[in-house]
């Protein structure tokens, strides 16, 4: 065991608040931790193209993306497991057949279905409001999300990390499990049967698997790992890392699975977590 830690940070609701703002205290905590010799990686459902410059400018040692299918250390690709072109065709045709709008998540961009812009506004407003945003903040967040998507692009692709689609009902998710036994099906954007999106990704992949791949690549020790997140999708990462912290604004299941719960994301949650873990000193 070393006194230098390897820290894995979820992005949405952990580094950023639910309007995609990054608290200054979170930026400071990450920079100070790295200055103290700790390594810090994003570990997120986002694909590389989904992170705006403001996140990269904080400074990271690398990232795990697509909920674990992509692993990068200092611009070196350690692992990248993709949805195949054949699987992508099956997904796109199935979603079109059900009249479900979707976007394809790639490191080269986020490629939206024909009517996703109109269909997603109400859903993304609901998502942001469910995370505590005001009506005005939620509207702004929904438009900002839509603006990063690419419309009219090729939808049969061989560079996909995962696919997200708007649920018309929870049954869409249940049916996707049956339709795609060769993929892993999840939901996001809400709790349980109130989830707003389904997603499909590479089978056998999760954040925990990716963490182990990266730690092995670094020839490091799992005893030196720390996970910080806020959602059910982060629980495998919590369980595999030596220490885990859930944001105070996180979900109940994630809080129950974590070793410690910090304050809300926009109430210095990251800073307080890093101080609690002894990664930085509270010198403010």
Protein backbone atom coordinates (compact mmCIF):
# COMPACT_ATOMS: atom_id res chain seq x y z
CA UNK A 1 0.00 0.00 0.00
CA UNK A 2 1.20 3.48 -0.90
CA UNK A 3 0.42 6.90 0.55
CA UNK A 4 -0.30 8.02 -3.02
CA UNK A 5 -3.81 7.15 -4.13
CA UNK A 6 -5.54 6.49 -7.45
CA UNK A 7 -8.86 8.34 -7.45
CA UNK A 8 -11.76 7.54 -9.77
CA UNK A 9 -14.39 10.26 -10.14
CA UNK A 10 -17.78 10.00 -11.75
CA UNK A 11 -18.64 13.18 -13.70
CA UNK A 12 -22.39 13.93 -13.75
CA UNK A 13 -23.50 14.80 -10.23
CA UNK A 14 -19.98 14.32 -8.86
CA UNK A 15 -17.57 16.64 -10.67
CA UNK A 16 -20.40 18.65 -12.22
CA UNK A 17 -23.74 19.65 -10.77
CA UNK A 18 -26.89 18.70 -12.65
CA UNK A 19 -26.74 21.83 -14.82
CA UNK A 20 -23.23 20.77 -15.93
CA UNK A 21 -21.53 23.49 -13.86
CA UNK A 22 -18.28 22.59 -12.10
CA UNK A 23 -17.98 24.02 -8.58
CA UNK A 24 -14.72 25.90 -8.10
CA UNK A 25 -14.05 23.90 -4.94
CA UNK A 26 -14.17 20.67 -7.01
CA UNK A 27 -11.62 22.06 -9.48
CA UNK A 28 -9.39 23.13 -6.59
CA UNK A 29 -9.66 19.75 -4.88
CA UNK A 30 -8.67 17.82 -8.00
CA UNK A 31 -5.75 20.13 -8.80
CA UNK A 32 -4.43 20.02 -5.23
CA UNK A 33 -4.74 16.24 -5.03
CA UNK A 34 -2.70 15.84 -8.21
CA UNK A 35 -0.15 18.38 -6.95
CA UNK A 36 0.15 16.18 -3.86
CA UNK A 37 1.11 13.22 -6.04
CA UNK A 38 -2.22 11.43 -6.28
CA UNK A 39 -3.53 10.24 -9.64
CA UNK A 40 -7.04 11.32 -10.65
CA UNK A 41 -9.15 9.76 -13.41
CA UNK A 42 -12.63 10.47 -14.66
CA UNK A 43 -14.78 7.33 -14.50
CA UNK A 44 -17.97 8.17 -16.33
CA UNK A 45 -20.77 7.07 -18.57
CA UNK A 46 -19.77 9.89 -20.90
CA UNK A 47 -17.77 9.22 -24.02
CA UNK A 48 -14.68 11.32 -24.66
CA UNK A 49 -16.48 13.68 -27.06
CA UNK A 50 -19.06 14.48 -24.40
CA UNK A 51 -16.66 16.30 -22.07
CA UNK A 52 -16.45 20.06 -22.68
CA UNK A 53 -13.07 21.86 -22.55
CA UNK A 54 -13.83 23.15 -19.04
CA UNK A 55 -13.60 19.62 -17.66
CA UNK A 56 -10.35 18.74 -19.46
CA UNK A 57 -8.82 22.04 -18.33
CA UNK A 58 -9.02 20.92 -14.68
CA UNK A 59 -6.32 18.35 -15.44
CA UNK A 60 -6.63 14.57 -15.16
CA UNK A 61 -4.30 11.62 -15.52
CA UNK A 62 -6.79 9.99 -17.87
CA UNK A 63 -10.33 8.72 -18.10
CA UNK A 64 -12.59 5.72 -18.08
CA UNK A 65 -15.51 6.39 -20.43
CA UNK A 66 -18.66 4.74 -21.70
CA UNK A 67 -19.30 3.22 -18.24
CA UNK A 68 -16.09 1.23 -18.59
CA UNK A 69 -15.60 0.30 -22.24
CA UNK A 70 -12.87 2.93 -22.78
CA UNK A 71 -9.73 3.32 -20.64
CA UNK A 72 -7.08 5.99 -21.21
CA UNK A 73 -3.94 6.95 -19.29
CA UNK A 74 -2.15 10.16 -20.33
CA UNK A 75 -3.54 9.95 -23.91
CA UNK A 76 -2.53 6.29 -24.15
CA UNK A 77 -5.49 4.03 -24.96
CA UNK A 78 -5.31 1.11 -22.53
CA UNK A 79 -8.57 -0.60 -23.55
CA UNK A 80 -11.42 0.13 -25.94
CA UNK A 81 -14.23 -2.38 -26.42
CA UNK A 82 -16.80 -1.27 -28.96
CA UNK A 83 -20.31 -2.20 -30.01
CA UNK A 84 -19.92 -3.93 -33.39
CA UNK A 85 -21.37 -2.55 -36.62
CA UNK A 86 -23.75 -5.52 -36.75
CA UNK A 87 -24.94 -4.86 -33.20
CA UNK A 88 -25.36 -1.15 -34.01
CA UNK A 89 -27.56 -1.97 -37.05
CA UNK A 90 -29.71 -4.22 -34.86
CA UNK A 91 -30.08 -1.50 -32.19
CA UNK A 92 -30.87 1.32 -34.63
CA UNK A 93 -33.40 -0.77 -36.56
CA UNK A 94 -35.09 -1.95 -33.34
CA UNK A 95 -35.35 1.58 -31.94
CA UNK A 96 -36.68 2.94 -35.25
CA UNK A 97 -39.20 0.11 -35.33
CA UNK A 98 -40.50 1.05 -31.87
CA UNK A 99 -40.53 4.77 -32.64
CA UNK A 100 -37.97 5.51 -29.92
CA UNK A 101 -35.57 8.44 -30.27
CA UNK A 102 -31.92 7.87 -29.34
CA UNK A 103 -28.33 9.02 -29.60
CA UNK A 104 -25.21 7.01 -30.35
CA UNK A 105 -22.26 7.64 -28.04
CA UNK A 106 -18.83 7.61 -29.64
CA UNK A 107 -15.47 9.18 -28.84
CA UNK A 108 -15.90 10.88 -32.23
CA UNK A 109 -19.19 12.55 -31.30
CA UNK A 110 -22.76 12.01 -30.15
CA UNK A 111 -25.00 11.15 -33.11
CA UNK A 112 -28.74 11.74 -32.63
CA UNK A 113 -31.73 10.12 -34.30
CA UNK A 114 -33.95 12.08 -36.64
CA UNK A 115 -36.38 13.55 -34.08
CA UNK A 116 -34.30 13.41 -30.93
CA UNK A 117 -34.05 17.19 -30.52
CA UNK A 118 -37.80 17.65 -30.16
CA UNK A 119 -38.38 14.46 -28.18
CA UNK A 120 -35.56 15.06 -25.70
CA UNK A 121 -36.44 18.56 -24.45
CA UNK A 122 -39.22 17.55 -22.08
CA UNK A 123 -37.28 14.50 -20.88
CA UNK A 124 -34.07 16.41 -20.19
CA UNK A 125 -36.01 19.14 -18.34
CA UNK A 126 -37.58 16.42 -16.20
CA UNK A 127 -34.16 14.89 -15.57
CA UNK A 128 -32.64 18.21 -14.45
CA UNK A 129 -35.64 19.10 -12.26
CA UNK A 130 -35.46 15.67 -10.66
CA UNK A 131 -31.91 16.50 -9.64
CA UNK A 132 -32.99 19.76 -7.99
CA UNK A 133 -32.76 22.28 -10.84
CA UNK A 134 -35.26 25.12 -11.15
CA UNK A 135 -37.52 25.27 -14.21
CA UNK A 136 -35.28 27.91 -15.79
CA UNK A 137 -32.09 25.99 -15.02
CA UNK A 138 -33.63 22.78 -16.34
CA UNK A 139 -34.65 24.44 -19.63
CA UNK A 140 -31.14 25.82 -20.05
CA UNK A 141 -29.60 22.43 -19.29
CA UNK A 142 -31.86 20.65 -21.80
CA UNK A 143 -30.94 23.06 -24.61
CA UNK A 144 -27.23 22.83 -23.77
CA UNK A 145 -27.37 19.04 -23.93
CA UNK A 146 -29.18 19.05 -27.27
CA UNK A 147 -26.67 21.48 -28.75
CA UNK A 148 -23.70 19.09 -28.30
CA UNK A 149 -25.38 16.39 -30.41
CA UNK A 150 -24.74 15.80 -34.11
CA UNK A 151 -27.90 15.59 -36.24
CA UNK A 152 -28.07 14.01 -39.69
CA UNK A 153 -24.95 11.87 -39.16
CA UNK A 154 -24.45 8.23 -40.09
CA UNK A 155 -26.38 6.01 -37.65
CA UNK A 156 -24.91 2.65 -38.69
CA UNK A 157 -21.50 2.95 -37.00
CA UNK A 158 -18.56 0.84 -35.83
CA UNK A 159 -17.13 3.33 -33.29
CA UNK A 160 -19.79 3.15 -30.56
CA UNK A 161 -19.26 2.90 -26.83
CA UNK A 162 -22.97 2.75 -26.03
CA UNK A 163 -26.43 3.89 -27.07
CA UNK A 164 -28.98 5.87 -25.02
CA UNK A 165 -32.67 6.00 -25.92
CA UNK A 166 -35.72 7.77 -24.53
CA UNK A 167 -38.06 5.35 -22.77
CA UNK A 168 -41.74 5.60 -23.67
CA UNK A 169 -42.27 3.30 -20.69
CA UNK A 170 -40.18 1.04 -18.45
CA UNK A 171 -41.31 -1.84 -20.66
CA UNK A 172 -38.96 -0.55 -23.37
CA UNK A 173 -36.04 -1.27 -21.05
CA UNK A 174 -37.35 -4.72 -20.14
CA UNK A 175 -37.86 -5.54 -23.81
CA UNK A 176 -34.35 -4.32 -24.64
CA UNK A 177 -32.93 -6.87 -22.19
CA UNK A 178 -34.74 -9.63 -24.10
CA UNK A 179 -33.90 -8.24 -27.54
CA UNK A 180 -30.16 -7.76 -26.91
CA UNK A 181 -28.78 -10.68 -24.86
CA UNK A 182 -25.38 -9.93 -26.41
CA UNK A 183 -25.31 -6.46 -24.81
CA UNK A 184 -25.81 -5.02 -21.32
CA UNK A 185 -28.97 -2.96 -20.75
CA UNK A 186 -29.22 -0.22 -18.12
CA UNK A 187 -31.40 2.78 -17.35
CA UNK A 188 -30.55 6.29 -16.25
CA UNK A 189 -32.14 9.63 -15.47
CA UNK A 190 -34.42 8.50 -12.67
CA UNK A 191 -35.08 5.89 -10.05
CA UNK A 192 -36.29 2.38 -10.85
CA UNK A 193 -39.36 2.32 -13.08
CA UNK A 194 -39.29 6.13 -13.29
CA UNK A 195 -36.07 6.01 -15.34
CA UNK A 196 -36.09 8.32 -18.36
CA UNK A 197 -33.52 6.65 -20.61
CA UNK A 198 -32.48 3.15 -21.47
CA UNK A 199 -28.97 2.40 -22.62
CA UNK A 200 -27.17 -0.47 -24.31
CA UNK A 201 -23.47 -1.18 -24.02
CA UNK A 202 -20.78 -3.84 -24.37
CA UNK A 203 -21.55 -6.96 -22.34
CA UNK A 204 -19.24 -7.74 -19.42
CA UNK A 205 -18.23 -4.10 -19.11
CA UNK A 206 -18.74 -1.87 -16.08
CA UNK A 207 -16.79 0.74 -14.18
CA UNK A 208 -15.30 -1.87 -11.82
CA UNK A 209 -13.87 -3.94 -14.67
CA UNK A 210 -12.29 -0.84 -16.19
CA UNK A 211 -10.81 0.24 -12.84
CA UNK A 212 -9.13 -3.16 -12.49
CA UNK A 213 -7.79 -3.00 -16.06
CA UNK A 214 -6.28 0.44 -15.43
CA UNK A 215 -4.81 -0.43 -12.02
CA UNK A 216 -3.22 -3.54 -13.54
CA UNK A 217 -1.82 -1.45 -16.41
CA UNK A 218 -0.34 1.00 -13.88
CA UNK A 219 1.15 -1.93 -11.93
CA UNK A 220 -0.50 -0.39 -8.89
CA UNK A 221 -2.40 -1.85 -5.92
CA UNK A 222 -6.18 -1.94 -5.56
CA UNK A 223 -5.57 -1.12 -1.88
CA UNK A 224 -4.68 2.41 -3.04
CA UNK A 225 -7.90 3.06 -4.98
CA UNK A 226 -10.69 5.49 -4.11
CA UNK A 227 -14.05 5.86 -5.89
CA UNK A 228 -16.33 8.91 -5.73
CA UNK A 229 -19.76 8.88 -7.36
CA UNK A 230 -23.46 9.53 -6.90
CA UNK A 231 -25.54 6.90 -8.68
CA UNK A 232 -26.46 3.23 -8.89
CA UNK A 233 -24.14 2.79 -11.90
CA UNK A 234 -21.23 3.71 -9.57
CA UNK A 235 -21.89 0.88 -7.09
CA UNK A 236 -19.61 -1.68 -8.83
CA UNK A 237 -16.84 0.94 -8.69
CA UNK A 238 -17.57 1.49 -4.96
CA UNK A 239 -17.39 -2.25 -4.32
CA UNK A 240 -14.09 -2.83 -6.11
CA UNK A 241 -12.18 0.18 -4.76
CA UNK A 242 -10.59 0.20 -1.32
CA UNK A 243 -12.48 3.33 -0.27
CA UNK A 244 -15.69 4.87 -1.62
CA UNK A 245 -17.57 8.13 -1.18
CA UNK A 246 -21.05 9.07 -2.37
CA UNK A 247 -22.09 12.66 -2.95
CA UNK A 248 -24.75 13.99 -0.56
CA UNK A 249 -26.90 14.76 -3.60
CA UNK A 250 -26.62 11.15 -4.77
CA UNK A 251 -29.18 8.35 -4.82
CA UNK A 252 -30.15 6.30 -1.79
CA UNK A 253 -28.76 3.03 -3.18
CA UNK A 254 -25.40 4.63 -3.93
CA UNK A 255 -25.26 6.20 -0.46
CA UNK A 256 -25.96 2.84 1.16
CA UNK A 257 -23.18 1.19 -0.85
CA UNK A 258 -20.50 3.82 -0.10
CA UNK A 259 -18.16 3.90 2.88
CA UNK A 260 -18.88 7.57 3.50
CA UNK A 261 -21.30 10.24 2.29
CA UNK A 262 -20.04 13.77 1.70
CA UNK A 263 -22.05 16.97 1.17
CA UNK A 264 -23.97 17.83 -2.00
CA UNK A 265 -22.10 18.31 -5.25
CA UNK A 266 -22.75 22.08 -5.17
CA UNK A 267 -22.02 22.35 -1.43
CA UNK A 268 -18.27 21.62 -1.67
CA UNK A 269 -18.95 17.88 -1.82
CA UNK A 270 -15.75 17.03 -3.69
CA UNK A 271 -13.59 19.29 -1.55
CA UNK A 272 -15.00 17.88 1.68
CA UNK A 273 -14.53 14.32 0.43
CA UNK A 274 -10.88 14.92 -0.46
CA UNK A 275 -10.23 16.54 2.93
CA UNK A 276 -11.94 13.64 4.72
CA UNK A 277 -9.81 11.14 2.79
CA UNK A 278 -6.59 12.99 3.63
CA UNK A 279 -5.83 13.76 0.00
CA UNK A 280 -5.65 17.52 0.58
CA UNK A 281 -5.52 19.88 3.55
CA UNK A 282 -8.44 22.17 4.32
CA UNK A 283 -6.44 25.36 3.84
CA UNK A 284 -9.23 27.63 2.67
